[in-house]
C-alpha atoms as a PDB file:
ATOM      1  CA  UNK A   1       1.484 -75.798  13.359  1.00  0.00           C
ATOM      2  CA  UNK A   2       2.276 -74.092  10.302  1.00  0.00           C
ATOM      3  CA  UNK A   3       3.649 -70.379  10.633  1.00  0.00           C
ATOM      4  CA  UNK A   4       1.619 -67.616   8.184  1.00  0.00           C
ATOM      5  CA  UNK A   5       3.530 -65.530   6.184  1.00  0.00           C
ATOM      6  CA  UNK A   6       3.077 -62.254   7.018  1.00  0.00           C
ATOM      7  CA  UNK A   7       3.011 -60.347   3.958  1.00  0.00           C
ATOM      8  CA  UNK A   8      -0.018 -61.927   2.411  1.00  0.00           C
ATOM      9  CA  UNK A   9      -1.248 -60.590  -0.727  1.00  0.00           C
ATOM     10  CA  UNK A  10      -4.038 -59.013   1.062  1.00  0.00           C
ATOM     11  CA  UNK A  11      -1.334 -58.021   3.566  1.00  0.00           C
ATOM     12  CA  UNK A  12       0.235 -55.965   0.803  1.00  0.00           C
ATOM     13  CA  UNK A  13      -2.318 -54.447  -1.335  1.00  0.00           C
ATOM     14  CA  UNK A  14      -3.956 -53.007   2.033  1.00  0.00           C
ATOM     15  CA  UNK A  15      -0.563 -51.566   3.209  1.00  0.00           C
ATOM     16  CA  UNK A  16      -0.419 -50.160  -0.295  1.00  0.00           C
ATOM     17  CA  UNK A  17      -3.678 -48.687  -0.213  1.00  0.00           C
ATOM     18  CA  UNK A  18      -3.641 -46.986   2.587  1.00  0.00           C
ATOM     19  CA  UNK A  19      -0.158 -45.204   1.225  1.00  0.00           C
ATOM     20  CA  UNK A  20      -1.669 -44.591  -2.161  1.00  0.00           C
ATOM     21  CA  UNK A  21      -4.035 -42.909   0.314  1.00  0.00           C
ATOM     22  CA  UNK A  22      -2.062 -40.993   2.424  1.00  0.00           C
ATOM     23  CA  UNK A  23       0.114 -39.821  -0.049  1.00  0.00           C
ATOM     24  CA  UNK A  24      -4.005 -38.868  -2.508  1.00  0.00           C
ATOM     25  CA  UNK A  25      -4.068 -36.395   1.248  1.00  0.00           C
ATOM     26  CA  UNK A  26      -0.699 -35.042   1.109  1.00  0.00           C
ATOM     27  CA  UNK A  27      -1.098 -33.631  -2.067  1.00  0.00           C
ATOM     28  CA  UNK A  28      -4.189 -32.689  -1.768  1.00  0.00           C
ATOM     29  CA  UNK A  29      -2.976 -30.609   1.471  1.00  0.00           C
ATOM     30  CA  UNK A  30      -0.860 -30.055  -0.392  1.00  0.00           C
ATOM     31  CA  UNK A  31      -3.228 -28.068  -3.691  1.00  0.00           C
ATOM     32  CA  UNK A  32      -5.058 -26.800  -0.720  1.00  0.00           C
ATOM     33  CA  UNK A  33      -2.076 -24.198   0.636  1.00  0.00           C
ATOM     34  CA  UNK A  34      -1.640 -23.438  -3.189  1.00  0.00           C
ATOM     35  CA  UNK A  35      -4.996 -21.804  -3.843  1.00  0.00           C
ATOM     36  CA  UNK A  36      -4.963 -20.341  -0.943  1.00  0.00           C
ATOM     37  CA  UNK A  37      -1.997 -18.446  -1.396  1.00  0.00           C
ATOM     38  CA  UNK A  38      -2.857 -17.871  -4.752  1.00  0.00           C
ATOM     39  CA  UNK A  39      -6.146 -16.503  -3.963  1.00  0.00           C
ATOM     40  CA  UNK A  40      -4.374 -13.865  -1.886  1.00  0.00           C
ATOM     41  CA  UNK A  41      -1.832 -12.893  -4.479  1.00  0.00           C
ATOM     42  CA  UNK A  42      -4.837 -12.717  -6.446  1.00  0.00           C
ATOM     43  CA  UNK A  43      -5.770  -8.954  -4.746  1.00  0.00           C
ATOM     44  CA  UNK A  44      -2.492  -7.880  -3.828  1.00  0.00           C
ATOM     45  CA  UNK A  45      -2.638  -4.622  -3.030  1.00  0.00           C
ATOM     46  CA  UNK A  46       0.468  -2.627  -3.383  1.00  0.00           C
ATOM     47  CA  UNK A  47       0.844   0.953  -2.901  1.00  0.00           C
ATOM     48  CA  UNK A  48       3.211   3.673  -3.145  1.00  0.00           C
ATOM     49  CA  UNK A  49       3.540   6.807  -2.731  1.00  0.00           C
ATOM     50  CA  UNK A  50       5.388   9.421  -5.242  1.00  0.00           C
ATOM     51  CA  UNK A  51       6.360  12.935  -6.827  1.00  0.00           C
ATOM     52  CA  UNK A  52       5.148  13.330 -10.501  1.00  0.00           C
ATOM     53  CA  UNK A  53       6.142  15.906 -12.596  1.00  0.00           C
ATOM     54  CA  UNK A  54       8.803  16.909 -10.387  1.00  0.00           C
ATOM     55  CA  UNK A  55      10.424  21.009 -11.002  1.00  0.00           C
ATOM     56  CA  UNK A  56       6.959  22.081 -12.731  1.00  0.00           C
ATOM     57  CA  UNK A  57       4.074  23.861 -12.240  1.00  0.00           C
ATOM     58  CA  UNK A  58       1.576  20.794 -12.782  1.00  0.00           C
ATOM     59  CA  UNK A  59       3.534  18.643  -9.616  1.00  0.00           C
ATOM     60  CA  UNK A  60       1.689  16.304  -7.633  1.00  0.00           C
ATOM     61  CA  UNK A  61       2.109  13.773  -4.823  1.00  0.00           C
ATOM     62  CA  UNK A  62       0.199  10.490  -5.440  1.00  0.00           C
ATOM     63  CA  UNK A  63      -0.180   7.345  -3.670  1.00  0.00           C
ATOM     64  CA  UNK A  64      -0.906   4.585  -6.554  1.00  0.00           C
ATOM     65  CA  UNK A  65      -1.538   0.975  -5.546  1.00  0.00           C
ATOM     66  CA  UNK A  66       0.166  -0.707  -8.171  1.00  0.00           C
ATOM     67  CA  UNK A  67      -0.833  -4.001  -7.416  1.00  0.00           C
ATOM     68  CA  UNK A  68      -4.121  -6.662  -8.503  1.00  0.00           C
ATOM     69  CA  UNK A  69      -5.881  -5.818  -5.204  1.00  0.00           C
ATOM     70  CA  UNK A  70      -7.940  -2.817  -3.402  1.00  0.00           C
ATOM     71  CA  UNK A  71      -6.318  -1.755  -0.418  1.00  0.00           C
ATOM     72  CA  UNK A  72      -8.448  -0.533   2.138  1.00  0.00           C
ATOM     73  CA  UNK A  73      -6.364   2.490   4.454  1.00  0.00           C
ATOM     74  CA  UNK A  74      -6.048   1.051   8.699  1.00  0.00           C
ATOM     75  CA  UNK A  75      -4.196   3.800   9.898  1.00  0.00           C
ATOM     76  CA  UNK A  76      -1.767   6.441   9.018  1.00  0.00           C
ATOM     77  CA  UNK A  77       0.660   7.928  10.971  1.00  0.00           C
ATOM     78  CA  UNK A  78       2.743  11.478  10.729  1.00  0.00           C
ATOM     79  CA  UNK A  79       5.493  12.415  12.736  1.00  0.00           C
ATOM     80  CA  UNK A  80       7.949  15.042  12.230  1.00  0.00           C
ATOM     81  CA  UNK A  81      12.083  14.966  13.450  1.00  0.00           C
ATOM     82  CA  UNK A  82      10.445  16.797  16.164  1.00  0.00           C
ATOM     83  CA  UNK A  83       8.754  14.035  17.930  1.00  0.00           C
ATOM     84  CA  UNK A  84       5.391  16.370  16.591  1.00  0.00           C
ATOM     85  CA  UNK A  85       1.496  14.399  15.865  1.00  0.00           C
ATOM     86  CA  UNK A  86      -0.126  15.435  13.126  1.00  0.00           C
ATOM     87  CA  UNK A  87      -3.451  13.714  12.250  1.00  0.00           C
ATOM     88  CA  UNK A  88      -2.926  13.405   8.194  1.00  0.00           C
ATOM     89  CA  UNK A  89       0.214  14.606   5.607  1.00  0.00           C
ATOM     90  CA  UNK A  90      -2.250  18.317   4.899  1.00  0.00           C
ATOM     91  CA  UNK A  91      -1.080  19.160   8.997  1.00  0.00           C
ATOM     92  CA  UNK A  92       1.903  18.677   8.435  1.00  0.00           C
ATOM     93  CA  UNK A  93       1.764  20.552   5.146  1.00  0.00           C
ATOM     94  CA  UNK A  94      -0.442  23.582   6.357  1.00  0.00           C
ATOM     95  CA  UNK A  95       2.422  23.297   9.466  1.00  0.00           C
ATOM     96  CA  UNK A  96       5.931  23.631   7.615  1.00  0.00           C
ATOM     97  CA  UNK A  97       3.884  26.189   4.720  1.00  0.00           C
ATOM     98  CA  UNK A  98       2.965  29.186   7.348  1.00  0.00           C
ATOM     99  CA  UNK A  99       0.155  30.965   6.685  1.00  0.00           C
ATOM    100  CA  UNK A 100       1.924  33.917   4.183  1.00  0.00           C
ATOM    101  CA  UNK A 101       3.192  30.841   1.383  1.00  0.00           C
ATOM    102  CA  UNK A 102       1.725  31.851  -1.868  1.00  0.00           C
ATOM    103  CA  UNK A 103       1.664  28.810  -3.074  1.00  0.00           C
ATOM    104  CA  UNK A 104      -2.131  27.815  -4.003  1.00  0.00           C
ATOM    105  CA  UNK A 105      -2.825  23.906  -3.773  1.00  0.00           C
ATOM    106  CA  UNK A 106      -5.163  21.819  -3.058  1.00  0.00           C
ATOM    107  CA  UNK A 107      -5.936  18.147  -1.339  1.00  0.00           C
ATOM    108  CA  UNK A 108      -6.810  14.789  -1.368  1.00  0.00           C
ATOM    109  CA  UNK A 109      -6.234  13.313   2.879  1.00  0.00           C
ATOM    110  CA  UNK A 110      -5.835   9.844   3.195  1.00  0.00           C
ATOM    111  CA  UNK A 111      -8.109   8.512   5.968  1.00  0.00           C
ATOM    112  CA  UNK A 112      -8.899   5.467   8.028  1.00  0.00           C
ATOM    113  CA  UNK A 113     -11.009   3.872   5.952  1.00  0.00           C
ATOM    114  CA  UNK A 114     -10.655   5.023   2.414  1.00  0.00           C
ATOM    115  CA  UNK A 115     -10.664   2.971  -0.359  1.00  0.00           C
ATOM    116  CA  UNK A 116      -7.672   2.577  -3.466  1.00  0.00           C
ATOM    117  CA  UNK A 117      -8.657   0.343  -6.012  1.00  0.00           C
ATOM    118  CA  UNK A 118      -6.677  -1.310  -8.313  1.00  0.00           C
ATOM    119  CA  UNK A 119      -4.737   0.419 -10.579  1.00  0.00           C
ATOM    120  CA  UNK A 120      -5.954   3.426  -9.044  1.00  0.00           C
ATOM    121  CA  UNK A 121      -4.545   7.119  -7.408  1.00  0.00           C
ATOM    122  CA  UNK A 122      -4.861  10.092  -5.802  1.00  0.00           C
ATOM    123  CA  UNK A 123      -3.199  12.690  -5.861  1.00  0.00           C
ATOM    124  CA  UNK A 124      -3.065  13.800  -2.027  1.00  0.00           C
ATOM    125  CA  UNK A 125      -1.354  17.607  -3.023  1.00  0.00           C
ATOM    126  CA  UNK A 126      -0.255  19.666  -6.008  1.00  0.00           C
ATOM    127  CA  UNK A 127      -0.176  23.075  -7.706  1.00  0.00           C
ATOM    128  CA  UNK A 128      -3.840  24.542  -9.154  1.00  0.00           C
ATOM    129  CA  UNK A 129      -4.038  25.379 -12.490  1.00  0.00           C
ATOM    130  CA  UNK A 130      -3.779  27.909 -14.110  1.00  0.00           C
ATOM    131  CA  UNK A 131      -7.949  27.772 -15.458  1.00  0.00           C
ATOM    132  CA  UNK A 132      -8.450  27.189 -10.787  1.00  0.00           C
ATOM    133  CA  UNK A 133      -5.989  30.060  -9.917  1.00  0.00           C
ATOM    134  CA  UNK A 134      -8.261  32.451 -12.393  1.00  0.00           C
ATOM    135  CA  UNK A 135     -11.362  31.194 -11.462  1.00  0.00           C
ATOM    136  CA  UNK A 136     -10.791  31.920  -7.785  1.00  0.00           C
ATOM    137  CA  UNK A 137      -8.485  35.082  -8.486  1.00  0.00           C
ATOM    138  CA  UNK A 138      -5.350  34.121  -7.393  1.00  0.00           C
ATOM    139  CA  UNK A 139      -1.904  35.041  -8.377  1.00  0.00           C
ATOM    140  CA  UNK A 140       0.465  32.098 -10.312  1.00  0.00           C
ATOM    141  CA  UNK A 141       1.997  29.766  -8.805  1.00  0.00           C
ATOM    142  CA  UNK A 142       5.342  29.479  -9.588  1.00  0.00           C
ATOM    143  CA  UNK A 143       8.447  27.028 -10.421  1.00  0.00           C
ATOM    144  CA  UNK A 144      10.126  28.194  -7.056  1.00  0.00           C
ATOM    145  CA  UNK A 145       6.626  27.297  -5.480  1.00  0.00           C
ATOM    146  CA  UNK A 146       6.191  23.934  -6.775  1.00  0.00           C
ATOM    147  CA  UNK A 147      10.056  23.268  -5.076  1.00  0.00           C
ATOM    148  CA  UNK A 148       9.206  24.771  -1.930  1.00  0.00           C
ATOM    149  CA  UNK A 149       5.595  22.289  -1.971  1.00  0.00           C
ATOM    150  CA  UNK A 150       7.885  19.380  -3.215  1.00  0.00           C
ATOM    151  CA  UNK A 151      11.245  19.646  -0.263  1.00  0.00           C
ATOM    152  CA  UNK A 152       8.244  20.379   2.260  1.00  0.00           C
ATOM    153  CA  UNK A 153       6.732  17.056   1.629  1.00  0.00           C
ATOM    154  CA  UNK A 154      10.192  14.986   0.932  1.00  0.00           C
ATOM    155  CA  UNK A 155      11.436  16.782   4.152  1.00  0.00           C
ATOM    156  CA  UNK A 156      14.233  14.591   6.483  1.00  0.00           C
ATOM    157  CA  UNK A 157      11.629  16.014   9.455  1.00  0.00           C
ATOM    158  CA  UNK A 158       8.888  13.881   7.676  1.00  0.00           C
ATOM    159  CA  UNK A 159       8.255  10.640   8.724  1.00  0.00           C
ATOM    160  CA  UNK A 160       5.354   9.319   8.167  1.00  0.00           C
ATOM    161  CA  UNK A 161       4.100   5.565   8.267  1.00  0.00           C
ATOM    162  CA  UNK A 162       0.532   4.317   6.234  1.00  0.00           C
ATOM    163  CA  UNK A 163      -1.029   0.911   6.971  1.00  0.00           C
ATOM    164  CA  UNK A 164      -3.534  -0.444   4.764  1.00  0.00           C
ATOM    165  CA  UNK A 165      -4.549  -4.048   4.271  1.00  0.00           C
ATOM    166  CA  UNK A 166      -6.469  -6.475   1.267  1.00  0.00           C
ATOM    167  CA  UNK A 167      -9.558  -7.764   1.430  1.00  0.00           C
ATOM    168  CA  UNK A 168      -8.489 -11.014   3.165  1.00  0.00           C
ATOM    169  CA  UNK A 169      -6.775  -9.244   5.925  1.00  0.00           C
ATOM    170  CA  UNK A 170      -3.749  -9.776   4.833  1.00  0.00           C
ATOM    171  CA  UNK A 171      -1.645  -6.136   6.123  1.00  0.00           C
ATOM    172  CA  UNK A 172       1.048  -4.385   4.959  1.00  0.00           C
ATOM    173  CA  UNK A 173       2.427  -0.818   5.298  1.00  0.00           C
ATOM    174  CA  UNK A 174       4.456   1.819   3.567  1.00  0.00           C
ATOM    175  CA  UNK A 175       6.593   4.462   4.922  1.00  0.00           C
ATOM    176  CA  UNK A 176       9.232   7.106   3.437  1.00  0.00           C
ATOM    177  CA  UNK A 177      11.728   4.166   3.697  1.00  0.00           C
ATOM    178  CA  UNK A 178      10.447   1.517   2.354  1.00  0.00           C
ATOM    179  CA  UNK A 179      10.653   1.378  -1.397  1.00  0.00           C
ATOM    180  CA  UNK A 180       8.160  -1.830  -1.717  1.00  0.00           C
ATOM    181  CA  UNK A 181       5.032  -2.107   1.189  1.00  0.00           C
ATOM    182  CA  UNK A 182       6.153  -4.317   4.113  1.00  0.00           C
ATOM    183  CA  UNK A 183       3.880  -7.078   5.208  1.00  0.00           C
ATOM    184  CA  UNK A 184       3.195  -6.877   8.278  1.00  0.00           C
END
């Protein structure tokens, strides 16, 4: 009786087909992961908090979405170095400004659920301009007042954390110490 060789042409063709199928599956899985990552990056929100026009009567503190997708604000934590907790940046500011301060400002606070569209910014605090001051019969703001406002909002006493997410529920946060968003 003659032994048949193990590697016949049928087996070689069959094994080749299986190997090609496995390689194709690996490439497909890799491409799917790349597409998923690309989708997530295509809606990446990138929040930053900054001062505009420091040292002038146009001073304002702005939160901007410099990313390419909307940011959904999930939470805002504001505390001072004494451990006092505040509901938002406005509460902190008014606590440290005092009631007899002659700095006339507008504010637009952040809150849970707020949407910041891509490429948009929100002026959180700023000095009222001359027209608004005249409209409300208020005395003019001063450069000293603008500097005081900037010092309060950029004080080492202030600690904040703004947590937000993308439409794919990827989560990031920014703090007074971070330059770029940190992924959670």
